[in-house]
Amino acid sequence: MDTIEKHFVTFLSPGTFMAEDTTKPVDSWDVPIAQAMAETITERYDAVPYAFYFTTRTRGPDDLDSKVTATSPTYFIHCKVEMLEEIEARNDPKKSILRSNMRGNGFNRVVVTTRGWKWTQPLRDGDIVLAPRTAKKRSNERSMH
C-alpha cells in the first residue's frame, strides 16, 4: 500500500461560542474554486462563511489513520480589516472589550465580517483577506446586528 494524500478545504462561519466549520474534499489548494464553494455553504441560523483554509492529509502504509501534513494560511472572505488605532479612535463604548482584548493579546488588527452575522477575530501574520467576488448575492443574505 502506497502513501495516500488528500486535500480538503475547511470553511469557517460565525457560531454561538466558536466558529462553525464545514470541511469538503478538493482536488487541490485552489483559492478561486474554494471562494466559489463558500457561496454554497450555509450553517445553522443561516450563517455564511467568513473564511476558509486548506489542509492536506496523508496516510502511510503503516498508519492507522491519516494526519494533517500541511495547512494553508486562512483566507478571509466578506471581511474588512480594522486596526486597533481605528477602533480606539472611534471610542465606541460597545467595543471596550474588543479594545481591551486586542491590547492584552497584542493584536493590532482584526477582521470584521461585512456580510452575514457579525463576527470579529484577529488577523494574524500570513492570513489573507480576499477581494469580494463579483457573483450575485445569495438569497439568504441580510443585514444582521
N, C-alpha and C. Protein backbone atom coordinates (compact mmCIF):
# COMPACT_ATOMS: atom_id res chain seq x y z
N MET A 1 0.85 -1.19 0.00
CA MET A 1 0.00 0.00 0.00
C MET A 1 0.88 1.24 0.00
N ASP A 2 0.62 2.14 -0.90
CA ASP A 2 1.37 3.38 -1.00
C ASP A 2 0.80 4.43 -0.06
N THR A 3 1.55 5.50 0.10
CA THR A 3 1.07 6.63 0.88
C THR A 3 -0.05 7.32 0.11
N ILE A 4 -1.13 7.63 0.81
CA ILE A 4 -2.29 8.31 0.22
C ILE A 4 -2.30 9.75 0.70
N GLU A 5 -2.54 10.67 -0.23
CA GLU A 5 -2.61 12.09 0.11
C GLU A 5 -3.92 12.66 -0.43
N LYS A 6 -4.63 13.38 0.43
CA LYS A 6 -5.91 14.01 0.06
C LYS A 6 -5.90 15.46 0.53
N HIS A 7 -6.58 16.30 -0.26
CA HIS A 7 -6.67 17.73 0.05
C HIS A 7 -8.10 18.07 0.49
N PHE A 8 -8.20 19.02 1.41
CA PHE A 8 -9.50 19.45 1.93
C PHE A 8 -9.52 20.96 2.09
N VAL A 9 -10.73 21.52 2.05
CA VAL A 9 -10.92 22.93 2.39
C VAL A 9 -11.93 22.98 3.53
N THR A 10 -11.62 23.77 4.54
CA THR A 10 -12.50 23.93 5.70
C THR A 10 -13.01 25.36 5.71
N PHE A 11 -14.33 25.50 5.72
CA PHE A 11 -14.98 26.81 5.74
C PHE A 11 -15.36 27.14 7.17
N LEU A 12 -15.14 28.39 7.57
CA LEU A 12 -15.47 28.86 8.91
C LEU A 12 -16.61 29.86 8.84
N SER A 13 -17.63 29.65 9.67
CA SER A 13 -18.79 30.54 9.72
C SER A 13 -19.04 30.93 11.17
N PRO A 14 -19.67 32.10 11.40
CA PRO A 14 -19.95 32.51 12.78
C PRO A 14 -20.82 31.47 13.49
N GLY A 15 -20.45 31.19 14.74
CA GLY A 15 -21.22 30.27 15.57
C GLY A 15 -21.59 30.95 16.88
N THR A 16 -22.20 30.22 17.77
CA THR A 16 -22.64 30.79 19.04
C THR A 16 -21.46 31.12 19.94
N PHE A 17 -20.58 30.14 20.19
CA PHE A 17 -19.41 30.37 21.05
C PHE A 17 -18.10 30.25 20.30
N MET A 18 -18.14 29.57 19.19
CA MET A 18 -16.95 29.40 18.36
C MET A 18 -17.40 29.21 16.92
N ALA A 19 -16.45 29.22 16.02
CA ALA A 19 -16.79 29.10 14.61
C ALA A 19 -17.40 27.74 14.29
N GLU A 20 -18.40 27.76 13.43
CA GLU A 20 -18.90 26.52 12.82
C GLU A 20 -17.95 26.19 11.69
N ASP A 21 -17.76 24.91 11.40
CA ASP A 21 -16.89 24.58 10.28
C ASP A 21 -17.48 23.46 9.43
N THR A 22 -17.21 23.55 8.15
CA THR A 22 -17.61 22.54 7.18
C THR A 22 -16.38 22.22 6.35
N THR A 23 -16.03 20.95 6.27
CA THR A 23 -14.86 20.52 5.51
C THR A 23 -15.31 19.71 4.31
N LYS A 24 -14.71 20.03 3.15
CA LYS A 24 -15.03 19.35 1.90
C LYS A 24 -13.73 18.90 1.22
N PRO A 25 -13.77 17.75 0.55
CA PRO A 25 -12.58 17.34 -0.21
C PRO A 25 -12.44 18.21 -1.47
N VAL A 26 -11.21 18.47 -1.87
CA VAL A 26 -10.92 19.22 -3.08
C VAL A 26 -9.76 18.55 -3.81
N ASP A 27 -9.63 18.84 -5.10
CA ASP A 27 -8.55 18.25 -5.88
C ASP A 27 -7.21 18.91 -5.57
N SER A 28 -7.25 20.22 -5.24
CA SER A 28 -6.01 20.95 -4.96
C SER A 28 -6.34 22.19 -4.13
N TRP A 29 -5.30 22.87 -3.70
CA TRP A 29 -5.48 24.10 -2.94
C TRP A 29 -5.73 25.23 -3.94
N ASP A 30 -6.93 25.32 -4.44
CA ASP A 30 -7.30 26.30 -5.46
C ASP A 30 -8.18 27.37 -4.82
N VAL A 31 -7.61 28.55 -4.59
CA VAL A 31 -8.31 29.62 -3.87
C VAL A 31 -9.58 30.06 -4.59
N PRO A 32 -9.56 30.36 -5.90
CA PRO A 32 -10.80 30.78 -6.57
C PRO A 32 -11.91 29.72 -6.50
N ILE A 33 -11.55 28.45 -6.61
CA ILE A 33 -12.57 27.40 -6.51
C ILE A 33 -13.15 27.36 -5.10
N ALA A 34 -12.29 27.45 -4.09
CA ALA A 34 -12.77 27.44 -2.70
C ALA A 34 -13.63 28.66 -2.41
N GLN A 35 -13.24 29.81 -2.96
CA GLN A 35 -14.02 31.03 -2.76
C GLN A 35 -15.42 30.86 -3.37
N ALA A 36 -15.49 30.22 -4.53
CA ALA A 36 -16.80 29.96 -5.16
C ALA A 36 -17.58 28.93 -4.35
N MET A 37 -16.90 27.91 -3.82
CA MET A 37 -17.57 26.89 -3.00
C MET A 37 -18.20 27.52 -1.76
N ALA A 38 -17.53 28.54 -1.21
CA ALA A 38 -18.03 29.20 0.01
C ALA A 38 -19.43 29.75 -0.20
N GLU A 39 -19.75 30.12 -1.43
CA GLU A 39 -21.07 30.68 -1.74
C GLU A 39 -22.18 29.64 -1.59
N THR A 40 -21.82 28.37 -1.51
CA THR A 40 -22.82 27.29 -1.41
C THR A 40 -22.98 26.77 0.01
N ILE A 41 -22.22 27.30 0.95
CA ILE A 41 -22.23 26.80 2.34
C ILE A 41 -23.16 27.67 3.19
N THR A 42 -24.05 27.03 3.92
CA THR A 42 -24.89 27.71 4.90
C THR A 42 -24.90 26.85 6.16
N GLU A 43 -24.58 27.46 7.27
CA GLU A 43 -24.57 26.76 8.56
C GLU A 43 -25.87 27.06 9.32
N ARG A 44 -25.88 26.65 10.58
CA ARG A 44 -27.05 26.91 11.41
C ARG A 44 -27.38 28.40 11.45
N TYR A 45 -28.64 28.70 11.56
CA TYR A 45 -29.14 30.07 11.64
C TYR A 45 -28.72 30.91 10.42
N ASP A 46 -28.57 30.25 9.29
CA ASP A 46 -28.21 30.89 8.02
C ASP A 46 -26.85 31.58 8.05
N ALA A 47 -25.96 31.13 8.90
CA ALA A 47 -24.60 31.69 8.93
C ALA A 47 -23.86 31.30 7.65
N VAL A 48 -23.11 32.25 7.11
CA VAL A 48 -22.34 32.02 5.89
C VAL A 48 -20.85 32.17 6.19
N PRO A 49 -20.01 31.49 5.44
CA PRO A 49 -18.57 31.53 5.72
C PRO A 49 -17.97 32.93 5.66
N TYR A 50 -17.03 33.15 6.57
CA TYR A 50 -16.22 34.36 6.56
C TYR A 50 -14.77 34.04 6.23
N ALA A 51 -14.42 32.74 6.20
CA ALA A 51 -13.04 32.36 5.95
C ALA A 51 -12.97 30.88 5.56
N PHE A 52 -11.81 30.52 5.02
CA PHE A 52 -11.53 29.11 4.74
C PHE A 52 -10.03 28.89 4.78
N TYR A 53 -9.65 27.63 4.93
CA TYR A 53 -8.24 27.24 4.85
C TYR A 53 -8.17 25.83 4.29
N PHE A 54 -7.02 25.51 3.74
CA PHE A 54 -6.80 24.19 3.15
C PHE A 54 -5.94 23.34 4.07
N THR A 55 -6.14 22.03 3.98
CA THR A 55 -5.26 21.08 4.64
C THR A 55 -4.98 19.94 3.67
N THR A 56 -3.85 19.32 3.88
CA THR A 56 -3.51 18.10 3.18
C THR A 56 -3.34 17.03 4.24
N ARG A 57 -4.02 15.92 4.04
CA ARG A 57 -3.93 14.79 4.97
C ARG A 57 -3.21 13.66 4.26
N THR A 58 -2.34 12.98 4.99
CA THR A 58 -1.56 11.89 4.43
C THR A 58 -1.73 10.65 5.32
N ARG A 59 -1.78 9.51 4.65
CA ARG A 59 -1.85 8.23 5.38
C ARG A 59 -0.85 7.28 4.74
N GLY A 60 0.11 6.86 5.54
CA GLY A 60 1.14 5.94 5.08
C GLY A 60 0.69 4.50 5.23
N PRO A 61 1.45 3.57 4.68
CA PRO A 61 1.07 2.15 4.71
C PRO A 61 0.94 1.58 6.12
N ASP A 62 1.65 2.13 7.08
CA ASP A 62 1.59 1.62 8.45
C ASP A 62 0.77 2.49 9.40
N ASP A 63 0.15 3.55 8.86
CA ASP A 63 -0.64 4.45 9.69
C ASP A 63 -2.05 3.90 9.88
N LEU A 64 -2.57 4.02 11.10
CA LEU A 64 -3.94 3.62 11.37
C LEU A 64 -4.94 4.65 10.86
N ASP A 65 -4.53 5.91 10.84
CA ASP A 65 -5.40 6.99 10.39
C ASP A 65 -4.55 8.03 9.67
N SER A 66 -5.21 8.92 8.94
CA SER A 66 -4.47 9.98 8.26
C SER A 66 -4.11 11.07 9.25
N LYS A 67 -3.15 11.91 8.87
CA LYS A 67 -2.76 13.05 9.70
C LYS A 67 -2.57 14.26 8.81
N VAL A 68 -2.81 15.42 9.38
CA VAL A 68 -2.61 16.67 8.64
C VAL A 68 -1.11 16.87 8.47
N THR A 69 -0.69 16.99 7.22
CA THR A 69 0.73 17.19 6.92
C THR A 69 1.03 18.58 6.37
N ALA A 70 -0.01 19.33 6.02
CA ALA A 70 0.18 20.71 5.55
C ALA A 70 -1.11 21.49 5.77
N THR A 71 -0.97 22.75 6.14
CA THR A 71 -2.10 23.66 6.35
C THR A 71 -1.78 25.00 5.71
N SER A 72 -2.74 25.55 5.00
CA SER A 72 -2.56 26.84 4.34
C SER A 72 -2.79 27.98 5.32
N PRO A 73 -2.51 29.20 4.88
CA PRO A 73 -2.97 30.36 5.66
C PRO A 73 -4.50 30.38 5.66
N THR A 74 -5.08 31.20 6.50
CA THR A 74 -6.53 31.40 6.49
C THR A 74 -6.84 32.50 5.48
N TYR A 75 -7.83 32.23 4.62
CA TYR A 75 -8.28 33.19 3.61
C TYR A 75 -9.62 33.76 4.08
N PHE A 76 -9.68 35.06 4.30
CA PHE A 76 -10.91 35.71 4.76
C PHE A 76 -11.68 36.24 3.57
N ILE A 77 -13.00 36.03 3.60
CA ILE A 77 -13.89 36.50 2.55
C ILE A 77 -14.99 37.33 3.20
N HIS A 78 -15.47 38.31 2.49
CA HIS A 78 -16.54 39.18 3.01
C HIS A 78 -16.16 39.76 4.36
N CYS A 79 -14.91 40.22 4.45
CA CYS A 79 -14.40 40.82 5.69
C CYS A 79 -13.62 42.08 5.37
N LYS A 80 -13.60 42.98 6.37
CA LYS A 80 -12.75 44.17 6.26
C LYS A 80 -11.77 44.13 7.42
N VAL A 81 -10.64 44.77 7.21
CA VAL A 81 -9.59 44.83 8.24
C VAL A 81 -9.78 46.12 9.03
N GLU A 82 -9.71 46.01 10.35
CA GLU A 82 -9.73 47.18 11.22
C GLU A 82 -8.51 47.14 12.12
N MET A 83 -7.86 48.28 12.22
CA MET A 83 -6.67 48.41 13.05
C MET A 83 -7.08 48.86 14.45
N LEU A 84 -6.29 48.49 15.44
CA LEU A 84 -6.56 48.88 16.83
C LEU A 84 -6.68 50.40 16.93
N GLU A 85 -5.82 51.13 16.23
CA GLU A 85 -5.86 52.60 16.30
C GLU A 85 -7.22 53.13 15.83
N GLU A 86 -7.77 52.53 14.76
CA GLU A 86 -9.08 52.96 14.26
C GLU A 86 -10.18 52.70 15.29
N ILE A 87 -10.13 51.51 15.88
CA ILE A 87 -11.15 51.11 16.85
C ILE A 87 -11.06 52.00 18.09
N GLU A 88 -9.84 52.30 18.53
CA GLU A 88 -9.66 53.19 19.68
C GLU A 88 -10.13 54.60 19.35
N ALA A 89 -9.86 55.08 18.14
CA ALA A 89 -10.25 56.44 17.75
C ALA A 89 -11.77 56.61 17.74
N ARG A 90 -12.51 55.58 17.36
CA ARG A 90 -13.98 55.67 17.36
C ARG A 90 -14.52 55.70 18.79
N ASN A 91 -13.79 55.10 19.73
CA ASN A 91 -14.14 55.10 21.15
C ASN A 91 -15.59 54.68 21.41
N ASP A 92 -16.05 53.68 20.67
CA ASP A 92 -17.40 53.14 20.85
C ASP A 92 -17.44 52.35 22.16
N PRO A 93 -18.30 52.74 23.10
CA PRO A 93 -18.38 52.01 24.38
C PRO A 93 -18.67 50.52 24.19
N LYS A 94 -19.38 50.17 23.13
CA LYS A 94 -19.69 48.76 22.87
C LYS A 94 -18.45 47.96 22.45
N LYS A 95 -17.38 48.64 22.13
CA LYS A 95 -16.15 47.97 21.68
C LYS A 95 -15.06 47.98 22.75
N SER A 96 -15.43 48.30 23.99
CA SER A 96 -14.40 48.38 25.05
C SER A 96 -13.74 47.02 25.31
N ILE A 97 -14.52 45.95 25.27
CA ILE A 97 -13.94 44.61 25.48
C ILE A 97 -13.03 44.24 24.32
N LEU A 98 -13.45 44.55 23.09
CA LEU A 98 -12.61 44.29 21.93
C LEU A 98 -11.28 45.04 22.05
N ARG A 99 -11.34 46.32 22.39
CA ARG A 99 -10.11 47.11 22.53
C ARG A 99 -9.21 46.51 23.60
N SER A 100 -9.80 46.14 24.73
CA SER A 100 -9.02 45.57 25.82
C SER A 100 -8.40 44.23 25.42
N ASN A 101 -9.18 43.40 24.75
CA ASN A 101 -8.66 42.09 24.31
C ASN A 101 -7.54 42.26 23.28
N MET A 102 -7.71 43.20 22.37
CA MET A 102 -6.67 43.43 21.36
C MET A 102 -5.37 43.90 22.02
N ARG A 103 -5.48 44.85 22.93
CA ARG A 103 -4.28 45.33 23.62
C ARG A 103 -3.65 44.22 24.46
N GLY A 104 -4.48 43.52 25.23
CA GLY A 104 -3.98 42.49 26.13
C GLY A 104 -3.34 41.30 25.42
N ASN A 105 -3.81 41.01 24.21
CA ASN A 105 -3.29 39.86 23.47
C ASN A 105 -2.31 40.26 22.37
N GLY A 106 -2.02 41.55 22.27
CA GLY A 106 -1.03 42.01 21.30
C GLY A 106 -1.50 41.98 19.86
N PHE A 107 -2.81 42.08 19.62
CA PHE A 107 -3.33 42.12 18.25
C PHE A 107 -3.52 43.57 17.83
N ASN A 108 -2.91 43.94 16.71
CA ASN A 108 -3.11 45.31 16.25
C ASN A 108 -4.10 45.40 15.11
N ARG A 109 -4.62 44.25 14.64
CA ARG A 109 -5.63 44.27 13.57
C ARG A 109 -6.56 43.08 13.71
N VAL A 110 -7.79 43.30 13.30
CA VAL A 110 -8.82 42.27 13.31
C VAL A 110 -9.53 42.30 11.96
N VAL A 111 -10.24 41.21 11.67
CA VAL A 111 -11.14 41.20 10.52
C VAL A 111 -12.56 41.20 11.06
N VAL A 112 -13.43 41.94 10.37
CA VAL A 112 -14.83 42.06 10.75
C VAL A 112 -15.65 41.69 9.51
N THR A 113 -16.65 40.84 9.70
CA THR A 113 -17.47 40.44 8.56
C THR A 113 -18.23 41.63 8.00
N THR A 114 -18.43 41.60 6.70
CA THR A 114 -19.21 42.64 6.02
C THR A 114 -20.49 42.05 5.45
N ARG A 115 -20.71 40.76 5.68
CA ARG A 115 -21.89 40.08 5.16
C ARG A 115 -22.27 38.97 6.15
N GLY A 116 -23.55 38.76 6.32
CA GLY A 116 -23.99 37.71 7.25
C GLY A 116 -23.89 38.17 8.69
N TRP A 117 -23.81 37.20 9.59
CA TRP A 117 -23.71 37.51 11.01
C TRP A 117 -22.42 38.26 11.31
N LYS A 118 -22.48 39.17 12.24
CA LYS A 118 -21.30 39.95 12.66
C LYS A 118 -20.32 39.01 13.36
N TRP A 119 -19.05 39.08 12.96
CA TRP A 119 -18.01 38.24 13.54
C TRP A 119 -16.71 39.02 13.47
N THR A 120 -15.96 39.02 14.54
CA THR A 120 -14.68 39.70 14.61
C THR A 120 -13.66 38.72 15.15
N GLN A 121 -12.49 38.70 14.51
CA GLN A 121 -11.41 37.87 15.04
C GLN A 121 -10.07 38.43 14.62
N PRO A 122 -9.00 38.05 15.32
CA PRO A 122 -7.67 38.58 14.99
C PRO A 122 -7.26 38.21 13.56
N LEU A 123 -6.56 39.12 12.93
CA LEU A 123 -5.92 38.86 11.64
C LEU A 123 -4.46 38.62 11.95
N ARG A 124 -4.02 37.41 11.72
CA ARG A 124 -2.65 37.02 12.06
C ARG A 124 -1.73 37.18 10.85
N ASP A 125 -0.44 37.29 11.14
CA ASP A 125 0.54 37.34 10.07
C ASP A 125 0.37 36.10 9.18
N GLY A 126 0.38 36.31 7.89
CA GLY A 126 0.22 35.21 6.95
C GLY A 126 -1.21 35.02 6.48
N ASP A 127 -2.19 35.49 7.25
CA ASP A 127 -3.59 35.40 6.82
C ASP A 127 -3.79 36.31 5.61
N ILE A 128 -4.77 35.98 4.79
CA ILE A 128 -5.02 36.71 3.55
C ILE A 128 -6.48 37.15 3.50
N VAL A 129 -6.71 38.42 3.22
CA VAL A 129 -8.07 38.94 3.05
C VAL A 129 -8.30 39.07 1.54
N LEU A 130 -9.26 38.29 1.04
CA LEU A 130 -9.54 38.26 -0.40
C LEU A 130 -10.51 39.36 -0.80
N ALA A 131 -10.34 39.85 -2.01
CA ALA A 131 -11.29 40.80 -2.57
C ALA A 131 -12.60 40.07 -2.83
N PRO A 132 -13.72 40.78 -2.73
CA PRO A 132 -15.02 40.12 -2.97
C PRO A 132 -15.13 39.62 -4.41
N ARG A 133 -15.82 38.51 -4.56
CA ARG A 133 -16.13 38.00 -5.89
C ARG A 133 -17.25 38.87 -6.46
N THR A 134 -17.41 38.83 -7.74
CA THR A 134 -18.46 39.63 -8.38
C THR A 134 -19.70 38.79 -8.67
N ALA A 135 -19.86 37.71 -7.93
CA ALA A 135 -21.03 36.84 -8.12
C ALA A 135 -22.28 37.50 -7.56
N LYS A 136 -23.44 36.98 -7.96
CA LYS A 136 -24.70 37.53 -7.47
C LYS A 136 -24.87 37.25 -5.99
N LYS A 137 -25.71 38.06 -5.33
CA LYS A 137 -25.97 37.91 -3.90
C LYS A 137 -26.72 36.62 -3.62
N ARG A 138 -26.49 36.08 -2.44
CA ARG A 138 -27.19 34.88 -2.01
C ARG A 138 -28.61 35.25 -1.60
N SER A 139 -29.52 34.31 -1.74
CA SER A 139 -30.91 34.59 -1.39
C SER A 139 -31.10 34.78 0.11
N ASN A 140 -30.20 34.22 0.94
CA ASN A 140 -30.37 34.34 2.39
C ASN A 140 -29.52 35.47 2.97
N GLU A 141 -28.95 36.31 2.13
CA GLU A 141 -28.12 37.42 2.62
C GLU A 141 -29.04 38.50 3.21
N ARG A 142 -28.65 38.97 4.39
CA ARG A 142 -29.43 40.04 5.01
C ARG A 142 -28.55 40.74 6.02
N SER A 143 -28.97 41.89 6.44
CA SER A 143 -28.23 42.64 7.43
C SER A 143 -28.56 42.10 8.82
N MET A 144 -27.53 41.84 9.59
CA MET A 144 -27.74 41.31 10.95
C MET A 144 -26.95 42.18 11.92
N HIS A 145 -27.48 42.36 13.08
CA HIS A 145 -26.83 43.21 14.07
C HIS A 145 -26.34 42.39 15.22
